[in-house]
Amino acid sequence: MNPEPRPDVEARVAACLHRALPPALRTVEVEEGTLLQSLGMDSLSFLEFLVALEDEFTLNLSEDVLKLNQVKTFGDVVELVTMVAEAQGKDLADHA
């Protein structure tokens, strides 16, 4: 049972991703199937991305680090954020 990602969640995840990317790639449009590796993310930029996601969605992703090894695409990240938020009782519609 995968939760259905909402467009606002996708936009917020994309904003976090763009902040973690090198400046030359910050305007690249991402879609559900966009491979994170194709965006030139290294381990540091991926860590920055995770911290940005935690801050944006007030989530604790540390328990889900093992799942992150399975995260390959932008859509995988959106799905993971949605599932973790649900498990942690967070309403993704609540944001500043």
PDB file of N, CA and C in Angstrom:
ATOM      1  N   MET A   1       0.838  -1.173   0.000  1.00  0.00           N
ATOM      2  CA  MET A   1       0.000   0.000   0.000  1.00  0.00           C
ATOM      3  C   MET A   1       0.885   1.239   0.000  1.00  0.00           C
ATOM      4  N   ASN A   2       1.105   1.828  -1.140  1.00  0.00           N
ATOM      5  CA  ASN A   2       1.902   3.036  -1.248  1.00  0.00           C
ATOM      6  C   ASN A   2       1.007   4.255  -1.195  1.00  0.00           C
ATOM      7  N   PRO A   3       1.341   5.219  -0.325  1.00  0.00           N
ATOM      8  CA  PRO A   3       0.542   6.435  -0.289  1.00  0.00           C
ATOM      9  C   PRO A   3       0.689   7.197  -1.598  1.00  0.00           C
ATOM     10  N   GLU A   4      -0.359   7.886  -1.974  1.00  0.00           N
ATOM     11  CA  GLU A   4      -0.348   8.654  -3.218  1.00  0.00           C
ATOM     12  C   GLU A   4       0.320  10.004  -2.968  1.00  0.00           C
ATOM     13  N   PRO A   5       1.503  10.266  -3.568  1.00  0.00           N
ATOM     14  CA  PRO A   5       2.158  11.555  -3.379  1.00  0.00           C
ATOM     15  C   PRO A   5       1.308  12.690  -3.950  1.00  0.00           C
ATOM     16  N   ARG A   6       1.350  13.813  -3.278  1.00  0.00           N
ATOM     17  CA  ARG A   6       0.614  14.986  -3.747  1.00  0.00           C
ATOM     18  C   ARG A   6       1.580  15.937  -4.448  1.00  0.00           C
ATOM     19  N   PRO A   7       1.060  16.701  -5.415  1.00  0.00           N
ATOM     20  CA  PRO A   7       1.935  17.622  -6.151  1.00  0.00           C
ATOM     21  C   PRO A   7       2.689  18.591  -5.248  1.00  0.00           C
ATOM     22  N   ASP A   8       2.067  19.070  -4.150  1.00  0.00           N
ATOM     23  CA  ASP A   8       2.764  19.998  -3.266  1.00  0.00           C
ATOM     24  C   ASP A   8       3.949  19.321  -2.583  1.00  0.00           C
ATOM     25  N   VAL A   9       3.812  18.047  -2.261  1.00  0.00           N
ATOM     26  CA  VAL A   9       4.921  17.296  -1.662  1.00  0.00           C
ATOM     27  C   VAL A   9       6.040  17.143  -2.687  1.00  0.00           C
ATOM     28  N   GLU A  10       5.685  16.821  -3.909  1.00  0.00           N
ATOM     29  CA  GLU A  10       6.693  16.689  -4.967  1.00  0.00           C
ATOM     30  C   GLU A  10       7.442  18.002  -5.168  1.00  0.00           C
ATOM     31  N   ALA A  11       6.731  19.118  -5.152  1.00  0.00           N
ATOM     32  CA  ALA A  11       7.366  20.424  -5.337  1.00  0.00           C
ATOM     33  C   ALA A  11       8.318  20.738  -4.187  1.00  0.00           C
ATOM     34  N   ARG A  12       7.930  20.396  -2.979  1.00  0.00           N
ATOM     35  CA  ARG A  12       8.781  20.649  -1.813  1.00  0.00           C
ATOM     36  C   ARG A  12      10.016  19.749  -1.827  1.00  0.00           C
ATOM     37  N   VAL A  13       9.854  18.493  -2.228  1.00  0.00           N
ATOM     38  CA  VAL A  13      11.004  17.589  -2.346  1.00  0.00           C
ATOM     39  C   VAL A  13      11.940  18.106  -3.442  1.00  0.00           C
ATOM     40  N   ALA A  14      11.377  18.563  -4.553  1.00  0.00           N
ATOM     41  CA  ALA A  14      12.194  19.107  -5.648  1.00  0.00           C
ATOM     42  C   ALA A  14      12.977  20.330  -5.181  1.00  0.00           C
ATOM     43  N   ALA A  15      12.352  21.192  -4.382  1.00  0.00           N
ATOM     44  CA  ALA A  15      13.046  22.377  -3.871  1.00  0.00           C
ATOM     45  C   ALA A  15      14.222  21.965  -2.985  1.00  0.00           C
ATOM     46  N   CYS A  16      14.022  20.961  -2.147  1.00  0.00           N
ATOM     47  CA  CYS A  16      15.111  20.449  -1.302  1.00  0.00           C
ATOM     48  C   CYS A  16      16.232  19.877  -2.161  1.00  0.00           C
ATOM     49  N   LEU A  17      15.854  19.146  -3.179  1.00  0.00           N
ATOM     50  CA  LEU A  17      16.837  18.549  -4.082  1.00  0.00           C
ATOM     51  C   LEU A  17      17.651  19.627  -4.779  1.00  0.00           C
ATOM     52  N   HIS A  18      16.981  20.641  -5.293  1.00  0.00           N
ATOM     53  CA  HIS A  18      17.682  21.706  -6.006  1.00  0.00           C
ATOM     54  C   HIS A  18      18.662  22.440  -5.097  1.00  0.00           C
ATOM     55  N   ARG A  19      18.307  22.624  -3.828  1.00  0.00           N
ATOM     56  CA  ARG A  19      19.223  23.288  -2.892  1.00  0.00           C
ATOM     57  C   ARG A  19      20.491  22.463  -2.674  1.00  0.00           C
ATOM     58  N   ALA A  20      20.403  21.148  -2.809  1.00  0.00           N
ATOM     59  CA  ALA A  20      21.557  20.276  -2.568  1.00  0.00           C
ATOM     60  C   ALA A  20      22.426  20.067  -3.809  1.00  0.00           C
ATOM     61  N   LEU A  21      21.898  20.410  -4.964  1.00  0.00           N
ATOM     62  CA  LEU A  21      22.631  20.195  -6.216  1.00  0.00           C
ATOM     63  C   LEU A  21      23.677  21.277  -6.438  1.00  0.00           C
ATOM     64  N   PRO A  22      24.689  20.985  -7.246  1.00  0.00           N
ATOM     65  CA  PRO A  22      25.643  22.020  -7.640  1.00  0.00           C
ATOM     66  C   PRO A  22      24.892  23.153  -8.349  1.00  0.00           C
ATOM     67  N   PRO A  23      25.364  24.398  -8.206  1.00  0.00           N
ATOM     68  CA  PRO A  23      24.655  25.546  -8.784  1.00  0.00           C
ATOM     69  C   PRO A  23      24.264  25.379 -10.253  1.00  0.00           C
ATOM     70  N   ALA A  24      25.101  24.764 -11.054  1.00  0.00           N
ATOM     71  CA  ALA A  24      24.809  24.611 -12.484  1.00  0.00           C
ATOM     72  C   ALA A  24      23.601  23.718 -12.744  1.00  0.00           C
ATOM     73  N   LEU A  25      23.227  22.888 -11.775  1.00  0.00           N
ATOM     74  CA  LEU A  25      22.118  21.946 -11.968  1.00  0.00           C
ATOM     75  C   LEU A  25      20.851  22.336 -11.217  1.00  0.00           C
ATOM     76  N   ARG A  26      20.866  23.466 -10.543  1.00  0.00           N
ATOM     77  CA  ARG A  26      19.727  23.831  -9.694  1.00  0.00           C
ATOM     78  C   ARG A  26      18.458  24.178 -10.459  1.00  0.00           C
ATOM     79  N   THR A  27      18.554  24.359 -11.745  1.00  0.00           N
ATOM     80  CA  THR A  27      17.351  24.665 -12.527  1.00  0.00           C
ATOM     81  C   THR A  27      16.864  23.462 -13.329  1.00  0.00           C
ATOM     82  N   VAL A  28      17.538  22.330 -13.189  1.00  0.00           N
ATOM     83  CA  VAL A  28      17.144  21.117 -13.905  1.00  0.00           C
ATOM     84  C   VAL A  28      15.763  20.678 -13.433  1.00  0.00           C
ATOM     85  N   GLU A  29      14.898  20.378 -14.392  1.00  0.00           N
ATOM     86  CA  GLU A  29      13.563  19.900 -14.050  1.00  0.00           C
ATOM     87  C   GLU A  29      13.637  18.415 -13.721  1.00  0.00           C
ATOM     88  N   VAL A  30      13.016  18.043 -12.603  1.00  0.00           N
ATOM     89  CA  VAL A  30      13.020  16.635 -12.204  1.00  0.00           C
ATOM     90  C   VAL A  30      11.616  16.064 -12.313  1.00  0.00           C
ATOM     91  N   GLU A  31      11.572  14.792 -12.675  1.00  0.00           N
ATOM     92  CA  GLU A  31      10.308  14.072 -12.795  1.00  0.00           C
ATOM     93  C   GLU A  31      10.404  12.819 -11.945  1.00  0.00           C
ATOM     94  N   GLU A  32       9.309  12.106 -11.830  1.00  0.00           N
ATOM     95  CA  GLU A  32       9.252  10.906 -10.997  1.00  0.00           C
ATOM     96  C   GLU A  32      10.376   9.923 -11.306  1.00  0.00           C
ATOM     97  N   GLY A  33      10.691   9.734 -12.575  1.00  0.00           N
ATOM     98  CA  GLY A  33      11.694   8.751 -12.969  1.00  0.00           C
ATOM     99  C   GLY A  33      13.116   9.272 -13.053  1.00  0.00           C
ATOM    100  N   THR A  34      13.343  10.537 -12.701  1.00  0.00           N
ATOM    101  CA  THR A  34      14.686  11.101 -12.769  1.00  0.00           C
ATOM    102  C   THR A  34      15.613  10.372 -11.803  1.00  0.00           C
ATOM    103  N   LEU A  35      16.692   9.823 -12.329  1.00  0.00           N
ATOM    104  CA  LEU A  35      17.676   9.132 -11.492  1.00  0.00           C
ATOM    105  C   LEU A  35      18.515  10.153 -10.733  1.00  0.00           C
ATOM    106  N   LEU A  36      18.622   9.969  -9.425  1.00  0.00           N
ATOM    107  CA  LEU A  36      19.420  10.897  -8.621  1.00  0.00           C
ATOM    108  C   LEU A  36      20.872  10.888  -9.067  1.00  0.00           C
ATOM    109  N   GLN A  37      21.373   9.727  -9.438  1.00  0.00           N
ATOM    110  CA  GLN A  37      22.756   9.609  -9.888  1.00  0.00           C
ATOM    111  C   GLN A  37      23.001  10.454 -11.141  1.00  0.00           C
ATOM    112  N   SER A  38      21.989  10.590 -11.984  1.00  0.00           N
ATOM    113  CA  SER A  38      22.148  11.369 -13.216  1.00  0.00           C
ATOM    114  C   SER A  38      22.287  12.860 -12.934  1.00  0.00           C
ATOM    115  N   LEU A  39      21.976  13.271 -11.710  1.00  0.00           N
ATOM    116  CA  LEU A  39      22.081  14.680 -11.335  1.00  0.00           C
ATOM    117  C   LEU A  39      23.450  15.012 -10.756  1.00  0.00           C
ATOM    118  N   GLY A  40      24.341  14.038 -10.753  1.00  0.00           N
ATOM    119  CA  GLY A  40      25.696  14.275 -10.273  1.00  0.00           C
ATOM    120  C   GLY A  40      25.798  14.403  -8.764  1.00  0.00           C
ATOM    121  N   MET A  41      24.870  13.794  -8.044  1.00  0.00           N
ATOM    122  CA  MET A  41      24.916  13.877  -6.585  1.00  0.00           C
ATOM    123  C   MET A  41      26.035  12.991  -6.047  1.00  0.00           C
ATOM    124  N   ASP A  42      26.853  13.572  -5.182  1.00  0.00           N
ATOM    125  CA  ASP A  42      27.848  12.778  -4.471  1.00  0.00           C
ATOM    126  C   ASP A  42      27.336  12.544  -3.053  1.00  0.00           C
ATOM    127  N   SER A  43      28.130  11.892  -2.225  1.00  0.00           N
ATOM    128  CA  SER A  43      27.656  11.556  -0.880  1.00  0.00           C
ATOM    129  C   SER A  43      27.373  12.806  -0.052  1.00  0.00           C
ATOM    130  N   LEU A  44      28.155  13.858  -0.231  1.00  0.00           N
ATOM    131  CA  LEU A  44      27.931  15.092   0.520  1.00  0.00           C
ATOM    132  C   LEU A  44      26.635  15.775   0.085  1.00  0.00           C
ATOM    133  N   SER A  45      26.407  15.876  -1.217  1.00  0.00           N
ATOM    134  CA  SER A  45      25.176  16.521  -1.683  1.00  0.00           C
ATOM    135  C   SER A  45      23.952  15.692  -1.309  1.00  0.00           C
ATOM    136  N   PHE A  46      24.098  14.358  -1.274  1.00  0.00           N
ATOM    137  CA  PHE A  46      22.980  13.515  -0.860  1.00  0.00           C
ATOM    138  C   PHE A  46      22.672  13.742   0.618  1.00  0.00           C
ATOM    139  N   LEU A  47      23.711  13.880   1.435  1.00  0.00           N
ATOM    140  CA  LEU A  47      23.516  14.166   2.854  1.00  0.00           C
ATOM    141  C   LEU A  47      22.845  15.530   3.036  1.00  0.00           C
ATOM    142  N   GLU A  48      23.277  16.527   2.273  1.00  0.00           N
ATOM    143  CA  GLU A  48      22.641  17.848   2.322  1.00  0.00           C
ATOM    144  C   GLU A  48      21.169  17.752   1.930  1.00  0.00           C
ATOM    145  N   PHE A  49      20.869  16.932   0.947  1.00  0.00           N
ATOM    146  CA  PHE A  49      19.494  16.701   0.508  1.00  0.00           C
ATOM    147  C   PHE A  49      18.672  16.100   1.644  1.00  0.00           C
ATOM    148  N   LEU A  50      19.218  15.094   2.330  1.00  0.00           N
ATOM    149  CA  LEU A  50      18.502  14.461   3.439  1.00  0.00           C
ATOM    150  C   LEU A  50      18.224  15.440   4.567  1.00  0.00           C
ATOM    151  N   VAL A  51      19.208  16.263   4.901  1.00  0.00           N
ATOM    152  CA  VAL A  51      19.022  17.261   5.958  1.00  0.00           C
ATOM    153  C   VAL A  51      17.947  18.261   5.542  1.00  0.00           C
ATOM    154  N   ALA A  52      17.970  18.674   4.290  1.00  0.00           N
ATOM    155  CA  ALA A  52      16.948  19.602   3.792  1.00  0.00           C
ATOM    156  C   ALA A  52      15.559  18.977   3.874  1.00  0.00           C
ATOM    157  N   LEU A  53      15.454  17.688   3.549  1.00  0.00           N
ATOM    158  CA  LEU A  53      14.164  16.993   3.646  1.00  0.00           C
ATOM    159  C   LEU A  53      13.690  16.932   5.092  1.00  0.00           C
ATOM    160  N   GLU A  54      14.600  16.604   6.005  1.00  0.00           N
ATOM    161  CA  GLU A  54      14.232  16.544   7.422  1.00  0.00           C
ATOM    162  C   GLU A  54      13.732  17.895   7.908  1.00  0.00           C
ATOM    163  N   ASP A  55      14.424  18.959   7.512  1.00  0.00           N
ATOM    164  CA  ASP A  55      14.022  20.304   7.924  1.00  0.00           C
ATOM    165  C   ASP A  55      12.692  20.711   7.303  1.00  0.00           C
ATOM    166  N   GLU A  56      12.538  20.477   6.030  1.00  0.00           N
ATOM    167  CA  GLU A  56      11.328  20.886   5.306  1.00  0.00           C
ATOM    168  C   GLU A  56      10.086  20.183   5.830  1.00  0.00           C
ATOM    169  N   PHE A  57      10.207  18.905   6.102  1.00  0.00           N
ATOM    170  CA  PHE A  57       9.038  18.109   6.481  1.00  0.00           C
ATOM    171  C   PHE A  57       8.998  17.765   7.974  1.00  0.00           C
ATOM    172  N   THR A  58       9.946  18.313   8.748  1.00  0.00           N
ATOM    173  CA  THR A  58      10.090  17.994  10.178  1.00  0.00           C
ATOM    174  C   THR A  58       9.996  16.492  10.422  1.00  0.00           C
ATOM    175  N   LEU A  59      10.827  15.766   9.700  1.00  0.00           N
ATOM    176  CA  LEU A  59      10.877  14.310   9.797  1.00  0.00           C
ATOM    177  C   LEU A  59      12.209  13.873  10.377  1.00  0.00           C
ATOM    178  N   ASN A  60      12.238  12.666  10.894  1.00  0.00           N
ATOM    179  CA  ASN A  60      13.476  12.036  11.315  1.00  0.00           C
ATOM    180  C   ASN A  60      13.743  10.893  10.342  1.00  0.00           C
ATOM    181  N   LEU A  61      14.659  11.108   9.431  1.00  0.00           N
ATOM    182  CA  LEU A  61      14.963  10.094   8.419  1.00  0.00           C
ATOM    183  C   LEU A  61      16.088   9.162   8.845  1.00  0.00           C
ATOM    184  N   SER A  62      16.707   9.415   9.994  1.00  0.00           N
ATOM    185  CA  SER A  62      17.865   8.612  10.392  1.00  0.00           C
ATOM    186  C   SER A  62      17.532   7.128  10.513  1.00  0.00           C
ATOM    187  N   GLU A  63      16.324   6.802  10.955  1.00  0.00           N
ATOM    188  CA  GLU A  63      15.931   5.405  11.083  1.00  0.00           C
ATOM    189  C   GLU A  63      15.713   4.753   9.717  1.00  0.00           C
ATOM    190  N   ASP A  64      15.598   5.546   8.692  1.00  0.00           N
ATOM    191  CA  ASP A  64      15.291   5.034   7.364  1.00  0.00           C
ATOM    192  C   ASP A  64      16.495   5.071   6.432  1.00  0.00           C
ATOM    193  N   VAL A  65      17.687   5.269   6.993  1.00  0.00           N
ATOM    194  CA  VAL A  65      18.888   5.370   6.167  1.00  0.00           C
ATOM    195  C   VAL A  65      19.101   4.106   5.344  1.00  0.00           C
ATOM    196  N   LEU A  66      18.800   2.953   5.912  1.00  0.00           N
ATOM    197  CA  LEU A  66      18.971   1.716   5.149  1.00  0.00           C
ATOM    198  C   LEU A  66      18.085   1.702   3.917  1.00  0.00           C
ATOM    199  N   LYS A  67      16.882   2.236   4.032  1.00  0.00           N
ATOM    200  CA  LYS A  67      15.984   2.305   2.880  1.00  0.00           C
ATOM    201  C   LYS A  67      16.549   3.228   1.806  1.00  0.00           C
ATOM    202  N   LEU A  68      17.350   4.212   2.224  1.00  0.00           N
ATOM    203  CA  LEU A  68      17.869   5.180   1.266  1.00  0.00           C
ATOM    204  C   LEU A  68      18.791   4.525   0.249  1.00  0.00           C
ATOM    205  N   ASN A  69      19.367   3.384   0.613  1.00  0.00           N
ATOM    206  CA  ASN A  69      20.185   2.657  -0.359  1.00  0.00           C
ATOM    207  C   ASN A  69      19.342   2.163  -1.524  1.00  0.00           C
ATOM    208  N   GLN A  70      18.035   2.025  -1.317  1.00  0.00           N
ATOM    209  CA  GLN A  70      17.128   1.573  -2.364  1.00  0.00           C
ATOM    210  C   GLN A  70      16.535   2.742  -3.144  1.00  0.00           C
ATOM    211  N   VAL A  71      16.775   3.952  -2.679  1.00  0.00           N
ATOM    212  CA  VAL A  71      16.236   5.143  -3.324  1.00  0.00           C
ATOM    213  C   VAL A  71      17.102   5.477  -4.529  1.00  0.00           C
ATOM    214  N   LYS A  72      16.513   5.362  -5.699  1.00  0.00           N
ATOM    215  CA  LYS A  72      17.268   5.602  -6.934  1.00  0.00           C
ATOM    216  C   LYS A  72      16.742   6.805  -7.715  1.00  0.00           C
ATOM    217  N   THR A  73      15.434   7.056  -7.613  1.00  0.00           N
ATOM    218  CA  THR A  73      14.816   8.108  -8.423  1.00  0.00           C
ATOM    219  C   THR A  73      14.174   9.172  -7.545  1.00  0.00           C
ATOM    220  N   PHE A  74      13.848  10.288  -8.173  1.00  0.00           N
ATOM    221  CA  PHE A  74      13.130  11.360  -7.495  1.00  0.00           C
ATOM    222  C   PHE A  74      11.808  10.836  -6.941  1.00  0.00           C
ATOM    223  N   GLY A  75      11.119  10.018  -7.714  1.00  0.00           N
ATOM    224  CA  GLY A  75       9.851   9.444  -7.264  1.00  0.00           C
ATOM    225  C   GLY A  75      10.019   8.562  -6.037  1.00  0.00           C
ATOM    226  N   ASP A  76      11.141   7.837  -5.959  1.00  0.00           N
ATOM    227  CA  ASP A  76      11.428   7.018  -4.777  1.00  0.00           C
ATOM    228  C   ASP A  76      11.537   7.893  -3.529  1.00  0.00           C
ATOM    229  N   VAL A  77      12.175   9.051  -3.673  1.00  0.00           N
ATOM    230  CA  VAL A  77      12.337   9.963  -2.535  1.00  0.00           C
ATOM    231  C   VAL A  77      10.982  10.494  -2.088  1.00  0.00           C
ATOM    232  N   VAL A  78      10.150  10.902  -3.050  1.00  0.00           N
ATOM    233  CA  VAL A  78       8.815  11.413  -2.717  1.00  0.00           C
ATOM    234  C   VAL A  78       8.021  10.340  -1.977  1.00  0.00           C
ATOM    235  N   GLU A  79       8.089   9.119  -2.464  1.00  0.00           N
ATOM    236  CA  GLU A  79       7.363   8.016  -1.823  1.00  0.00           C
ATOM    237  C   GLU A  79       7.896   7.757  -0.415  1.00  0.00           C
ATOM    238  N   LEU A  80       9.223   7.777  -0.251  1.00  0.00           N
ATOM    239  CA  LEU A  80       9.814   7.556   1.064  1.00  0.00           C
ATOM    240  C   LEU A  80       9.392   8.645   2.043  1.00  0.00           C
ATOM    241  N   VAL A  81       9.465   9.902   1.622  1.00  0.00           N
ATOM    242  CA  VAL A  81       9.059  11.015   2.491  1.00  0.00           C
ATOM    243  C   VAL A  81       7.602  10.856   2.902  1.00  0.00           C
ATOM    244  N   THR A  82       6.751  10.505   1.952  1.00  0.00           N
ATOM    245  CA  THR A  82       5.326  10.335   2.235  1.00  0.00           C
ATOM    246  C   THR A  82       5.098   9.202   3.231  1.00  0.00           C
ATOM    247  N   MET A  83       5.774   8.084   3.033  1.00  0.00           N
ATOM    248  CA  MET A  83       5.600   6.938   3.933  1.00  0.00           C
ATOM    249  C   MET A  83       6.148   7.223   5.330  1.00  0.00           C
ATOM    250  N   VAL A  84       7.315   7.870   5.414  1.00  0.00           N
ATOM    251  CA  VAL A  84       7.900   8.187   6.716  1.00  0.00           C
ATOM    252  C   VAL A  84       7.018   9.189   7.454  1.00  0.00           C
ATOM    253  N   ALA A  85       6.517  10.186   6.733  1.00  0.00           N
ATOM    254  CA  ALA A  85       5.635  11.174   7.363  1.00  0.00           C
ATOM    255  C   ALA A  85       4.395  10.498   7.933  1.00  0.00           C
ATOM    256  N   GLU A  86       3.826   9.597   7.169  1.00  0.00           N
ATOM    257  CA  GLU A  86       2.643   8.873   7.633  1.00  0.00           C
ATOM    258  C   GLU A  86       2.980   8.045   8.873  1.00  0.00           C
ATOM    259  N   ALA A  87       4.114   7.355   8.847  1.00  0.00           N
ATOM    260  CA  ALA A  87       4.526   6.522   9.980  1.00  0.00           C
ATOM    261  C   ALA A  87       4.813   7.354  11.225  1.00  0.00           C
ATOM    262  N   GLN A  88       5.289   8.592  11.024  1.00  0.00           N
ATOM    263  CA  GLN A  88       5.601   9.469  12.147  1.00  0.00           C
ATOM    264  C   GLN A  88       4.426  10.365  12.521  1.00  0.00           C
ATOM    265  N   GLY A  89       3.281  10.140  11.885  1.00  0.00           N
ATOM    266  CA  GLY A  89       2.075  10.895  12.213  1.00  0.00           C
ATOM    267  C   GLY A  89       2.120  12.353  11.794  1.00  0.00           C
ATOM    268  N   LYS A  90       2.859  12.656  10.754  1.00  0.00           N
ATOM    269  CA  LYS A  90       2.983  14.037  10.260  1.00  0.00           C
ATOM    270  C   LYS A  90       1.983  14.277   9.144  1.00  0.00           C
ATOM    271  N   ASP A  91       1.424  15.468   9.136  1.00  0.00           N
ATOM    272  CA  ASP A  91       0.541  15.886   8.051  1.00  0.00           C
ATOM    273  C   ASP A  91       1.371  16.741   7.108  1.00  0.00           C
ATOM    274  N   LEU A  92       1.638  16.238   5.923  1.00  0.00           N
ATOM    275  CA  LEU A  92       2.496  16.950   4.979  1.00  0.00           C
ATOM    276  C   LEU A  92       1.873  18.238   4.471  1.00  0.00           C
ATOM    277  N   ALA A  93       0.592  18.428   4.707  1.00  0.00           N
ATOM    278  CA  ALA A  93      -0.058  19.675   4.301  1.00  0.00           C
ATOM    279  C   ALA A  93       0.287  20.802   5.268  1.00  0.00           C
ATOM    280  N   ASP A  94       0.757  20.451   6.471  1.00  0.00           N
ATOM    281  CA  ASP A  94       1.122  21.455   7.469  1.00  0.00           C
ATOM    282  C   ASP A  94       2.552  21.901   7.243  1.00  0.00           C
ATOM    283  N   HIS A  95       2.718  23.047   6.638  1.00  0.00           N
ATOM    284  CA  HIS A  95       4.060  23.605   6.485  1.00  0.00           C
ATOM    285  C   HIS A  95       3.965  25.102   6.415  1.00  0.00           C
ATOM    286  N   ALA A  96       5.065  25.735   6.780  1.00  0.00           N
ATOM    287  CA  ALA A  96       5.103  27.199   6.809  1.00  0.00           C
ATOM    288  C   ALA A  96       5.353  27.755   5.435  1.00  0.00           C
TER     289      ALA A  96
END
